[in-house]
Amino acid sequence: MADEEDDKASGDGSVKKPEATPEPEPPKIPDVELICDGFGFMPKTAQTTKRSSSVFDKTNKVVKEMSMPDAEQKGSPCGSSTNIDIVRRYTWKTKNRMIVQVITYGATITSIQVPDRKGVPDDVIAGFDTLEEYFQPRNPYFGATIGRYANYIREATAVVRPSGRMYMLSSNKGHHHYNGGYVGFDKVNWRSYVNGNKVIMSHVSDRFNEGYPGALMAQVTFEATCDNTLKIEMRCTTSEPTIVNLSNTPYFNLAGHHAGCETMYDHIFTINADKYTVADEEGLVTGEKKVVGGTPYDFRVPRVLRAMIPKIPLGGYDVNFCVTQGTEQDLTFQARALHPLTGRVLEVYSNQPGMQFYTGNLLPDPDKIIEGGEEEEEDKGEDESESDSEESSAKGEEEVEEGSEGKASFGYVPLVGKEGTLYKKHGLFCLMPQNFPDAINHKNFPNSVLNPGEVYVHKIQYKFGLLLGRYV
């Protein structure tokens, strides 16, 4: 017994081994990762050009010439009423390999990458590589937030009821008002901050900016979720009765933004609408609503675009559909687009009563010759040339005068986008939730007036998925 105690004392006995420390767990990859960086700087000359109405354009021009030095006479194609110099870019990356990018200039969606059925990701919306390219007048509102009023307002006039006051808006599309005017929400740099995985952008539109009554506070929230859905929520309040119709205009091609018109024609569309608003030759609504049954506008069942687009006399779709909504329904299914070869599917949900379906009819057409004479260009007055440039920038296309003789002919002017892509006619499409165009001037259209104390709320969801089987 004494010997055993001596052995233990001398250290020859059994010794307990230290427990192995557990290996640290690898860091958990978040479902959604949000990154912020810079995309560029606003030009120093970028100041919001405020035009109360087309009637006062010449007066304003004279006042500017008297009050501004020569160095400040040159206008800028963009504006920033918030005096923010840095344009920020926000990037979401989801666990399902979706990547979304948004910049604060115009609250613009610049990129959406989603995988196809083979797992190969590709960018499915049009845009530009640099900030300066977004400033160009030929930018057809790629991915931008449109406001205060999306689409047309006939003769640039709005009678706001119940007061009955008439307001003259800026006429940036011929005699009409289009997509918020010369400097709409797509041409200002929005303030922004992050709340979790949400990016919240805000902008204040001054009273009588572009002729609109009331000061408007606008807020847009972007969020990408792990189920490959991009959620957009737009909210507005006003200081006095005004009209509001915000929207967003991403140009899609589910085969890839660079794929062109041949793959665009293969898309299969479904639109949840029993009626559409009739438009005249200028694209302005007449106030009449027609049933889609028996017409080329019937997409209540899936239709292949290649078979439908030759039936449209205007060279493609540019029409507002009256969405079939349920009672007490927040978000309504509006449309679905499917590209069978890649298997990519896009579904659009919104709480708005209308949706504009546009097939890129006015994108540059390589098969169309642009004709014009140099003498005619020189004879144009300053006001007329300015109006023409503003008008052509409304959807980024060149004005074409057919049947002219004895004039110089030019090849088409390409629109160069991301990675050197040439965007061409029928190469992209838009599914744009909105109120009806020119709703303020048609009593049978949904209300577009926002009063003080009320909150305008517009929700959009772009949900991406995959068709793994074969579409029949």
Foldseek 3Di string as FASTA:
>chain_A
DVVVVVCVVVVNDDDDDDDDDDDDDPDDDDQKDKDKDFQFWDDPLAAADFDLAPVCPVVVLVVCVVPDDPVNNDYFLFHANPPGTTWMKMWMAGPQGWIWIFIQQLRFTAWIWHAFLVRRIATWWFFARHPVLLSDLLAQQARGKFDQAAAKAPQQWFQFPPVRDIWHFYALAVSIAHRQHSHTSNRYGWDWDDDPQKIKTWDWDCASGRNWHWIKIKMWIWGAGSLGKIKIKIKMFTPFKTFGKMKTWTWGQVVHLQPFQVLLQQKKKAFQAQWWFDADPVRHGPQDIDGCPPALPHRNDIDRNNVRQVRDPVRGFFTKGFHDDDPPDAKDWGMKMARQVRQKIKTKIKRFRIKTKTQQQQAWAQVDKAWDAPVVVVPDDPVVVVSQSSNCSNRSHDDHDPPDPPTDIDGIDFSAHYPRRTHHGRGTMTTMGIFDHNQSVHPVGDDRMHGHPDMDMMMMMIRMDGDNDGDD
